[in-house]
């Protein structure tokens, strides 16, 4: 776990031809608070953004620590939360990411229609 989402996000955004600046909202399923801090610091350096800029669009309704971390359903929870929030705010691009045991991570970019 830990920083797995960092590289997953970079790869997903590269494949979409996007930067983190292009993302309207992001759901980061943090396994623990320090993980979010580490990921956001790494993205800040990589994308030349302040940590505050990233935080403004991340887990706008609270993260897994506040909302829950359902075993085997975390991905579904963050993706559905992201889709509803994009629609509610009339925004376009979302990014969902989570860590996986063993240091891996996954990420997906979505576009609201």
C-alpha atoms as a PDB file:
ATOM      1  CA  UNK A   1       0.000   0.000   0.000  1.00  0.00           C
ATOM      2  CA  UNK A   2       1.217   3.547   0.451  1.00  0.00           C
ATOM      3  CA  UNK A   3       2.389   5.346  -2.667  1.00  0.00           C
ATOM      4  CA  UNK A   4       1.025   2.893  -5.245  1.00  0.00           C
ATOM      5  CA  UNK A   5      -1.582   5.420  -6.458  1.00  0.00           C
ATOM      6  CA  UNK A   6       1.136   7.934  -7.412  1.00  0.00           C
ATOM      7  CA  UNK A   7       2.390   6.024 -10.446  1.00  0.00           C
ATOM      8  CA  UNK A   8      -1.075   4.686 -11.253  1.00  0.00           C
ATOM      9  CA  UNK A   9      -2.447   8.239 -11.510  1.00  0.00           C
ATOM     10  CA  UNK A  10       0.489   9.435 -13.609  1.00  0.00           C
ATOM     11  CA  UNK A  11       0.023   6.527 -16.033  1.00  0.00           C
ATOM     12  CA  UNK A  12      -3.779   6.888 -16.240  1.00  0.00           C
ATOM     13  CA  UNK A  13      -3.548  10.616 -16.921  1.00  0.00           C
ATOM     14  CA  UNK A  14      -0.800  10.113 -19.523  1.00  0.00           C
ATOM     15  CA  UNK A  15      -2.955   7.519 -21.306  1.00  0.00           C
ATOM     16  CA  UNK A  16      -5.865   9.987 -21.282  1.00  0.00           C
ATOM     17  CA  UNK A  17      -3.634  12.803 -22.583  1.00  0.00           C
ATOM     18  CA  UNK A  18      -4.345  14.807 -19.441  1.00  0.00           C
ATOM     19  CA  UNK A  19      -2.641  16.411 -16.468  1.00  0.00           C
ATOM     20  CA  UNK A  20      -3.853  16.539 -12.892  1.00  0.00           C
ATOM     21  CA  UNK A  21      -4.719  20.194 -13.570  1.00  0.00           C
ATOM     22  CA  UNK A  22      -7.362  18.986 -16.062  1.00  0.00           C
ATOM     23  CA  UNK A  23      -9.155  16.896 -13.429  1.00  0.00           C
ATOM     24  CA  UNK A  24     -12.145  18.552 -11.776  1.00  0.00           C
ATOM     25  CA  UNK A  25     -12.548  16.134  -8.845  1.00  0.00           C
ATOM     26  CA  UNK A  26     -10.530  13.246  -7.447  1.00  0.00           C
ATOM     27  CA  UNK A  27     -11.414  10.433  -5.075  1.00  0.00           C
ATOM     28  CA  UNK A  28      -8.347   9.076  -3.281  1.00  0.00           C
ATOM     29  CA  UNK A  29      -9.182   6.009  -1.215  1.00  0.00           C
ATOM     30  CA  UNK A  30      -6.667   6.430   1.573  1.00  0.00           C
ATOM     31  CA  UNK A  31      -5.829   3.364   3.608  1.00  0.00           C
ATOM     32  CA  UNK A  32      -4.408   5.668   6.277  1.00  0.00           C
ATOM     33  CA  UNK A  33      -3.930   9.448   6.588  1.00  0.00           C
ATOM     34  CA  UNK A  34      -0.177   9.472   5.941  1.00  0.00           C
ATOM     35  CA  UNK A  35      -0.786   7.781   2.606  1.00  0.00           C
ATOM     36  CA  UNK A  36      -2.815  10.749   1.353  1.00  0.00           C
ATOM     37  CA  UNK A  37      -0.121  13.170   2.466  1.00  0.00           C
ATOM     38  CA  UNK A  38       2.578  11.198   0.647  1.00  0.00           C
ATOM     39  CA  UNK A  39       0.593  10.832  -2.578  1.00  0.00           C
ATOM     40  CA  UNK A  40      -0.415  14.485  -2.675  1.00  0.00           C
ATOM     41  CA  UNK A  41       3.187  15.588  -2.090  1.00  0.00           C
ATOM     42  CA  UNK A  42       4.416  13.396  -4.948  1.00  0.00           C
ATOM     43  CA  UNK A  43       1.714  14.650  -7.347  1.00  0.00           C
ATOM     44  CA  UNK A  44       2.454  18.228  -6.308  1.00  0.00           C
ATOM     45  CA  UNK A  45       6.075  17.843  -7.397  1.00  0.00           C
ATOM     46  CA  UNK A  46       5.267  15.879 -10.557  1.00  0.00           C
ATOM     47  CA  UNK A  47       2.531  18.212 -11.822  1.00  0.00           C
ATOM     48  CA  UNK A  48       3.929  21.513 -10.498  1.00  0.00           C
ATOM     49  CA  UNK A  49       0.833  22.169  -8.409  1.00  0.00           C
ATOM     50  CA  UNK A  50       0.552  23.223  -4.798  1.00  0.00           C
ATOM     51  CA  UNK A  51      -0.697  20.686  -2.314  1.00  0.00           C
ATOM     52  CA  UNK A  52      -3.616  23.035  -1.635  1.00  0.00           C
ATOM     53  CA  UNK A  53      -4.655  22.979  -5.316  1.00  0.00           C
ATOM     54  CA  UNK A  54      -4.769  19.197  -5.206  1.00  0.00           C
ATOM     55  CA  UNK A  55      -6.558  19.082  -1.852  1.00  0.00           C
ATOM     56  CA  UNK A  56      -9.317  21.415  -3.117  1.00  0.00           C
ATOM     57  CA  UNK A  57     -10.427  18.773  -5.616  1.00  0.00           C
ATOM     58  CA  UNK A  58      -9.719  15.645  -3.550  1.00  0.00           C
ATOM     59  CA  UNK A  59     -12.305  13.754  -1.478  1.00  0.00           C
ATOM     60  CA  UNK A  60     -14.644  16.742  -1.362  1.00  0.00           C
ATOM     61  CA  UNK A  61     -17.142  14.814   0.809  1.00  0.00           C
ATOM     62  CA  UNK A  62     -14.492  13.178   2.991  1.00  0.00           C
ATOM     63  CA  UNK A  63     -12.333  10.153   2.342  1.00  0.00           C
ATOM     64  CA  UNK A  64     -12.325   6.530   3.385  1.00  0.00           C
ATOM     65  CA  UNK A  65     -11.301   7.390   6.927  1.00  0.00           C
ATOM     66  CA  UNK A  66     -14.461   9.501   7.317  1.00  0.00           C
ATOM     67  CA  UNK A  67     -16.907   7.663   5.043  1.00  0.00           C
ATOM     68  CA  UNK A  68     -15.774   4.074   5.300  1.00  0.00           C
ATOM     69  CA  UNK A  69     -13.480   1.608   3.620  1.00  0.00           C
ATOM     70  CA  UNK A  70     -15.721  -1.321   2.606  1.00  0.00           C
ATOM     71  CA  UNK A  71     -13.680  -4.463   2.055  1.00  0.00           C
ATOM     72  CA  UNK A  72     -13.858  -5.555  -1.604  1.00  0.00           C
ATOM     73  CA  UNK A  73     -16.076  -2.574  -2.483  1.00  0.00           C
ATOM     74  CA  UNK A  74     -13.777   0.442  -2.069  1.00  0.00           C
ATOM     75  CA  UNK A  75     -13.433   0.922  -5.815  1.00  0.00           C
ATOM     76  CA  UNK A  76     -17.183   0.878  -6.326  1.00  0.00           C
ATOM     77  CA  UNK A  77     -17.710   3.300  -3.435  1.00  0.00           C
ATOM     78  CA  UNK A  78     -15.221   5.888  -4.686  1.00  0.00           C
ATOM     79  CA  UNK A  79     -16.314   5.601  -8.317  1.00  0.00           C
ATOM     80  CA  UNK A  80     -20.021   6.041  -7.560  1.00  0.00           C
ATOM     81  CA  UNK A  81     -19.249   8.915  -5.168  1.00  0.00           C
ATOM     82  CA  UNK A  82     -17.173  10.574  -7.892  1.00  0.00           C
ATOM     83  CA  UNK A  83     -19.847  10.146 -10.574  1.00  0.00           C
ATOM     84  CA  UNK A  84     -22.561  11.626  -8.374  1.00  0.00           C
ATOM     85  CA  UNK A  85     -20.407  14.581  -7.322  1.00  0.00           C
ATOM     86  CA  UNK A  86     -19.399  15.390 -10.921  1.00  0.00           C
ATOM     87  CA  UNK A  87     -23.066  15.381 -11.936  1.00  0.00           C
ATOM     88  CA  UNK A  88     -24.157  17.434  -8.914  1.00  0.00           C
ATOM     89  CA  UNK A  89     -21.510  20.104  -9.559  1.00  0.00           C
ATOM     90  CA  UNK A  90     -21.920  19.969 -13.358  1.00  0.00           C
ATOM     91  CA  UNK A  91     -18.225  19.149 -13.814  1.00  0.00           C
ATOM     92  CA  UNK A  92     -16.588  17.024 -16.481  1.00  0.00           C
ATOM     93  CA  UNK A  93     -13.481  15.058 -15.501  1.00  0.00           C
ATOM     94  CA  UNK A  94     -12.946  12.843 -12.489  1.00  0.00           C
ATOM     95  CA  UNK A  95     -10.119  10.661 -11.258  1.00  0.00           C
ATOM     96  CA  UNK A  96     -10.552   7.729  -8.881  1.00  0.00           C
ATOM     97  CA  UNK A  97      -7.586   5.963  -7.335  1.00  0.00           C
ATOM     98  CA  UNK A  98      -6.861   3.469  -4.606  1.00  0.00           C
ATOM     99  CA  UNK A  99      -3.969   1.524  -3.206  1.00  0.00           C
ATOM    100  CA  UNK A 100      -3.687  -2.230  -3.312  1.00  0.00           C
ATOM    101  CA  UNK A 101      -1.745  -4.455  -0.926  1.00  0.00           C
ATOM    102  CA  UNK A 102       1.874  -5.038  -1.850  1.00  0.00           C
ATOM    103  CA  UNK A 103       2.560  -1.457  -2.941  1.00  0.00           C
ATOM    104  CA  UNK A 104       0.359  -1.479  -6.013  1.00  0.00           C
ATOM    105  CA  UNK A 105      -2.224   1.093  -6.994  1.00  0.00           C
ATOM    106  CA  UNK A 106      -4.933   1.602  -9.571  1.00  0.00           C
ATOM    107  CA  UNK A 107      -6.504   4.668 -11.134  1.00  0.00           C
ATOM    108  CA  UNK A 108      -9.225   5.499 -13.628  1.00  0.00           C
ATOM    109  CA  UNK A 109     -10.142   8.734 -15.397  1.00  0.00           C
ATOM    110  CA  UNK A 110     -13.836   9.288 -16.093  1.00  0.00           C
ATOM    111  CA  UNK A 111     -15.762  11.841 -18.117  1.00  0.00           C
ATOM    112  CA  UNK A 112     -19.249  12.904 -17.116  1.00  0.00           C
ATOM    113  CA  UNK A 113     -21.754  13.130 -19.967  1.00  0.00           C
END
